[in-house]
Amino acid sequence: MRWFKKREIIIYSLLFSKFKYREFTFLDAISVLLPYFSKKVSKGSFRYLIKAGLIVNSKGNLYRLVDLNEYLLTDLGYTYLKKRFTRRRKTLQ
């Protein structure tokens, strides 16, 4: 997985400032992002945030934002630390 671009962090921040942890539709998200980004950029970044796990599908066509700290600690942090542990253990023996 690659690092997030500045644009994706800004999009997450804009959506978080509007919706917090409430559910929203894709069209609601696009309407929030349209003053700042084109439809193509908004759609692509929204899809990447879903793929990365920062936006989850809750029911049908409703989406919900994941807490950024929780995401960093559980999803990214766990896999990173697990990888580091296995590499470090191999070099110590």
N, C-alpha and C. Protein backbone atom coordinates (compact mmCIF):
# COMPACT_ATOMS: atom_id res chain seq x y z
N MET A 1 0.84 -1.18 0.00
CA MET A 1 0.00 0.00 0.00
C MET A 1 0.88 1.24 0.00
N ARG A 2 0.50 2.21 -0.74
CA ARG A 2 1.28 3.44 -0.82
C ARG A 2 0.81 4.44 0.25
N TRP A 3 1.63 5.44 0.49
CA TRP A 3 1.26 6.50 1.41
C TRP A 3 0.13 7.34 0.80
N PHE A 4 -0.64 7.97 1.65
CA PHE A 4 -1.71 8.83 1.18
C PHE A 4 -1.13 10.10 0.58
N LYS A 5 -1.76 10.58 -0.48
CA LYS A 5 -1.39 11.86 -1.06
C LYS A 5 -2.00 12.97 -0.21
N LYS A 6 -1.46 14.17 -0.35
CA LYS A 6 -2.02 15.31 0.39
C LYS A 6 -3.48 15.50 0.06
N ARG A 7 -3.83 15.30 -1.19
CA ARG A 7 -5.20 15.47 -1.65
C ARG A 7 -6.15 14.53 -0.91
N GLU A 8 -5.73 13.28 -0.71
CA GLU A 8 -6.58 12.30 -0.04
C GLU A 8 -6.75 12.63 1.44
N ILE A 9 -5.71 13.14 2.06
CA ILE A 9 -5.82 13.57 3.46
C ILE A 9 -6.76 14.76 3.57
N ILE A 10 -6.67 15.70 2.64
CA ILE A 10 -7.57 16.86 2.64
C ILE A 10 -9.01 16.41 2.42
N ILE A 11 -9.22 15.48 1.51
CA ILE A 11 -10.58 14.98 1.24
C ILE A 11 -11.13 14.29 2.48
N TYR A 12 -10.31 13.48 3.15
CA TYR A 12 -10.77 12.84 4.39
C TYR A 12 -11.12 13.90 5.43
N SER A 13 -10.29 14.94 5.55
CA SER A 13 -10.54 16.00 6.53
C SER A 13 -11.83 16.76 6.22
N LEU A 14 -12.07 17.06 4.94
CA LEU A 14 -13.31 17.74 4.56
C LEU A 14 -14.53 16.88 4.88
N LEU A 15 -14.45 15.61 4.55
CA LEU A 15 -15.58 14.72 4.85
C LEU A 15 -15.78 14.56 6.35
N PHE A 16 -14.68 14.48 7.10
CA PHE A 16 -14.79 14.35 8.54
C PHE A 16 -15.37 15.60 9.18
N SER A 17 -15.01 16.77 8.67
CA SER A 17 -15.55 18.00 9.24
C SER A 17 -17.05 18.11 8.98
N LYS A 18 -17.52 17.53 7.90
CA LYS A 18 -18.95 17.59 7.57
C LYS A 18 -19.76 16.48 8.25
N PHE A 19 -19.26 15.24 8.19
CA PHE A 19 -20.07 14.09 8.61
C PHE A 19 -19.66 13.48 9.94
N LYS A 20 -18.45 13.71 10.41
CA LYS A 20 -17.91 13.05 11.61
C LYS A 20 -18.06 11.54 11.46
N TYR A 21 -18.84 10.89 12.34
CA TYR A 21 -19.00 9.44 12.27
C TYR A 21 -20.41 9.04 11.83
N ARG A 22 -21.17 10.00 11.30
CA ARG A 22 -22.50 9.69 10.79
C ARG A 22 -22.40 9.04 9.42
N GLU A 23 -23.48 8.36 9.03
CA GLU A 23 -23.52 7.73 7.72
C GLU A 23 -23.87 8.77 6.65
N PHE A 24 -23.36 8.55 5.44
CA PHE A 24 -23.63 9.45 4.33
C PHE A 24 -23.59 8.65 3.04
N THR A 25 -24.15 9.23 1.99
CA THR A 25 -24.13 8.57 0.69
C THR A 25 -22.98 9.12 -0.15
N PHE A 26 -22.71 8.44 -1.23
CA PHE A 26 -21.66 8.88 -2.15
C PHE A 26 -21.98 10.26 -2.71
N LEU A 27 -23.25 10.49 -3.04
CA LEU A 27 -23.65 11.80 -3.59
C LEU A 27 -23.48 12.92 -2.57
N ASP A 28 -23.73 12.64 -1.30
CA ASP A 28 -23.49 13.64 -0.25
C ASP A 28 -22.01 14.00 -0.20
N ALA A 29 -21.16 12.99 -0.28
CA ALA A 29 -19.71 13.23 -0.23
C ALA A 29 -19.26 14.04 -1.43
N ILE A 30 -19.75 13.70 -2.61
CA ILE A 30 -19.36 14.43 -3.82
C ILE A 30 -19.82 15.89 -3.74
N SER A 31 -21.01 16.12 -3.18
CA SER A 31 -21.51 17.49 -3.07
C SER A 31 -20.64 18.33 -2.12
N VAL A 32 -20.06 17.69 -1.11
CA VAL A 32 -19.15 18.40 -0.21
C VAL A 32 -17.84 18.73 -0.91
N LEU A 33 -17.38 17.82 -1.77
CA LEU A 33 -16.07 17.98 -2.40
C LEU A 33 -16.08 18.80 -3.68
N LEU A 34 -17.23 18.96 -4.31
CA LEU A 34 -17.30 19.65 -5.61
C LEU A 34 -16.76 21.08 -5.62
N PRO A 35 -16.93 21.88 -4.57
CA PRO A 35 -16.33 23.23 -4.64
C PRO A 35 -14.81 23.23 -4.71
N TYR A 36 -14.17 22.13 -4.31
CA TYR A 36 -12.72 22.09 -4.24
C TYR A 36 -12.06 21.21 -5.29
N PHE A 37 -12.74 20.12 -5.69
CA PHE A 37 -12.15 19.15 -6.60
C PHE A 37 -13.14 18.82 -7.72
N SER A 38 -12.61 18.32 -8.82
CA SER A 38 -13.47 17.88 -9.92
C SER A 38 -14.16 16.57 -9.54
N LYS A 39 -15.17 16.19 -10.32
CA LYS A 39 -15.87 14.94 -10.06
C LYS A 39 -14.93 13.75 -10.20
N LYS A 40 -14.06 13.80 -11.20
CA LYS A 40 -13.15 12.69 -11.46
C LYS A 40 -12.17 12.50 -10.30
N VAL A 41 -11.61 13.58 -9.80
CA VAL A 41 -10.67 13.51 -8.69
C VAL A 41 -11.39 13.06 -7.42
N SER A 42 -12.57 13.61 -7.18
CA SER A 42 -13.33 13.25 -5.98
C SER A 42 -13.70 11.77 -6.00
N LYS A 43 -14.16 11.31 -7.14
CA LYS A 43 -14.57 9.91 -7.26
C LYS A 43 -13.39 8.97 -7.08
N GLY A 44 -12.26 9.28 -7.71
CA GLY A 44 -11.08 8.44 -7.59
C GLY A 44 -10.52 8.40 -6.18
N SER A 45 -10.46 9.54 -5.54
CA SER A 45 -9.95 9.60 -4.17
C SER A 45 -10.90 8.91 -3.20
N PHE A 46 -12.20 9.06 -3.43
CA PHE A 46 -13.19 8.39 -2.59
C PHE A 46 -13.02 6.87 -2.70
N ARG A 47 -12.84 6.39 -3.90
CA ARG A 47 -12.64 4.95 -4.10
C ARG A 47 -11.36 4.47 -3.44
N TYR A 48 -10.31 5.26 -3.52
CA TYR A 48 -9.05 4.86 -2.89
C TYR A 48 -9.19 4.83 -1.37
N LEU A 49 -9.91 5.79 -0.80
CA LEU A 49 -10.11 5.80 0.65
C LEU A 49 -10.93 4.59 1.09
N ILE A 50 -11.85 4.14 0.25
CA ILE A 50 -12.59 2.91 0.55
C ILE A 50 -11.64 1.72 0.51
N LYS A 51 -10.83 1.66 -0.53
CA LYS A 51 -9.89 0.55 -0.70
C LYS A 51 -8.88 0.51 0.45
N ALA A 52 -8.45 1.68 0.90
CA ALA A 52 -7.48 1.76 1.98
C ALA A 52 -8.09 1.44 3.34
N GLY A 53 -9.41 1.64 3.48
CA GLY A 53 -10.07 1.31 4.73
C GLY A 53 -10.46 2.50 5.58
N LEU A 54 -10.26 3.72 5.11
CA LEU A 54 -10.66 4.90 5.88
C LEU A 54 -12.15 5.20 5.76
N ILE A 55 -12.76 4.70 4.69
CA ILE A 55 -14.21 4.80 4.52
C ILE A 55 -14.74 3.39 4.39
N VAL A 56 -15.75 3.06 5.18
CA VAL A 56 -16.31 1.70 5.14
C VAL A 56 -17.77 1.77 4.72
N ASN A 57 -18.21 0.73 4.05
CA ASN A 57 -19.60 0.62 3.62
C ASN A 57 -20.39 0.06 4.79
N SER A 58 -21.36 0.82 5.30
CA SER A 58 -22.10 0.36 6.47
C SER A 58 -23.37 -0.39 6.08
N LYS A 59 -24.22 0.20 5.25
CA LYS A 59 -25.45 -0.47 4.81
C LYS A 59 -25.75 -0.04 3.38
N GLY A 60 -25.87 -0.99 2.50
CA GLY A 60 -26.25 -0.67 1.13
C GLY A 60 -25.36 0.38 0.51
N ASN A 61 -25.92 1.55 0.25
CA ASN A 61 -25.13 2.63 -0.36
C ASN A 61 -24.76 3.71 0.66
N LEU A 62 -24.77 3.37 1.93
CA LEU A 62 -24.36 4.31 2.98
C LEU A 62 -22.93 4.02 3.41
N TYR A 63 -22.17 5.06 3.63
CA TYR A 63 -20.78 4.94 4.03
C TYR A 63 -20.56 5.62 5.36
N ARG A 64 -19.46 5.27 6.00
CA ARG A 64 -19.11 5.82 7.31
C ARG A 64 -17.60 5.99 7.36
N LEU A 65 -17.13 7.06 8.00
CA LEU A 65 -15.69 7.31 8.14
C LEU A 65 -15.15 6.55 9.35
N VAL A 66 -13.92 6.07 9.22
CA VAL A 66 -13.23 5.39 10.31
C VAL A 66 -12.34 6.41 11.00
N ASP A 67 -12.23 6.30 12.32
CA ASP A 67 -11.36 7.20 13.08
C ASP A 67 -9.92 7.05 12.60
N LEU A 68 -9.25 8.15 12.32
CA LEU A 68 -7.90 8.11 11.76
C LEU A 68 -6.91 7.48 12.74
N ASN A 69 -7.00 7.80 14.02
CA ASN A 69 -6.09 7.22 15.01
C ASN A 69 -6.28 5.71 15.11
N GLU A 70 -7.53 5.28 15.11
CA GLU A 70 -7.83 3.85 15.16
C GLU A 70 -7.27 3.15 13.93
N TYR A 71 -7.44 3.77 12.78
CA TYR A 71 -6.94 3.20 11.53
C TYR A 71 -5.42 3.06 11.57
N LEU A 72 -4.73 4.12 12.02
CA LEU A 72 -3.27 4.09 12.05
C LEU A 72 -2.75 3.06 13.03
N LEU A 73 -3.40 2.95 14.19
CA LEU A 73 -2.90 2.02 15.19
C LEU A 73 -3.25 0.57 14.88
N THR A 74 -4.48 0.31 14.46
CA THR A 74 -4.88 -1.07 14.27
C THR A 74 -4.51 -1.62 12.89
N ASP A 75 -4.85 -0.91 11.85
CA ASP A 75 -4.61 -1.44 10.51
C ASP A 75 -3.16 -1.29 10.08
N LEU A 76 -2.68 -0.08 10.01
CA LEU A 76 -1.32 0.15 9.53
C LEU A 76 -0.28 -0.22 10.58
N GLY A 77 -0.50 0.18 11.80
CA GLY A 77 0.48 -0.05 12.86
C GLY A 77 0.73 -1.52 13.13
N TYR A 78 -0.31 -2.30 13.19
CA TYR A 78 -0.17 -3.72 13.49
C TYR A 78 0.62 -4.43 12.41
N THR A 79 0.26 -4.21 11.16
CA THR A 79 0.97 -4.90 10.07
C THR A 79 2.42 -4.43 9.98
N TYR A 80 2.65 -3.15 10.20
CA TYR A 80 4.02 -2.63 10.16
C TYR A 80 4.87 -3.23 11.28
N LEU A 81 4.34 -3.23 12.50
CA LEU A 81 5.10 -3.77 13.62
C LEU A 81 5.33 -5.26 13.48
N LYS A 82 4.37 -5.97 12.95
CA LYS A 82 4.51 -7.41 12.72
C LYS A 82 5.64 -7.68 11.72
N LYS A 83 5.67 -6.89 10.65
CA LYS A 83 6.72 -7.03 9.64
C LYS A 83 8.09 -6.71 10.23
N ARG A 84 8.15 -5.63 11.02
CA ARG A 84 9.42 -5.24 11.64
C ARG A 84 9.90 -6.31 12.62
N PHE A 85 8.97 -6.89 13.36
CA PHE A 85 9.35 -7.91 14.34
C PHE A 85 9.96 -9.12 13.64
N THR A 86 9.34 -9.57 12.56
CA THR A 86 9.87 -10.74 11.86
C THR A 86 11.22 -10.43 11.23
N ARG A 87 11.40 -9.25 10.69
CA ARG A 87 12.69 -8.89 10.12
C ARG A 87 13.76 -8.75 11.20
N ARG A 88 13.41 -8.14 12.30
CA ARG A 88 14.36 -7.94 13.39
C ARG A 88 14.76 -9.26 14.01
N ARG A 89 13.80 -10.17 14.15
CA ARG A 89 14.08 -11.47 14.75
C ARG A 89 15.05 -12.26 13.87
N LYS A 90 14.90 -12.15 12.56
CA LYS A 90 15.79 -12.86 11.65
C LYS A 90 17.21 -12.32 11.74
N THR A 91 17.37 -11.03 11.94
CA THR A 91 18.71 -10.44 11.97
C THR A 91 19.39 -10.68 13.32
N LEU A 92 18.65 -10.89 14.40
CA LEU A 92 19.24 -11.11 15.71
C LEU A 92 19.76 -12.53 15.87
N GLN A 93 19.21 -13.49 15.18
CA GLN A 93 19.62 -14.88 15.36
C GLN A 93 20.77 -15.28 14.50
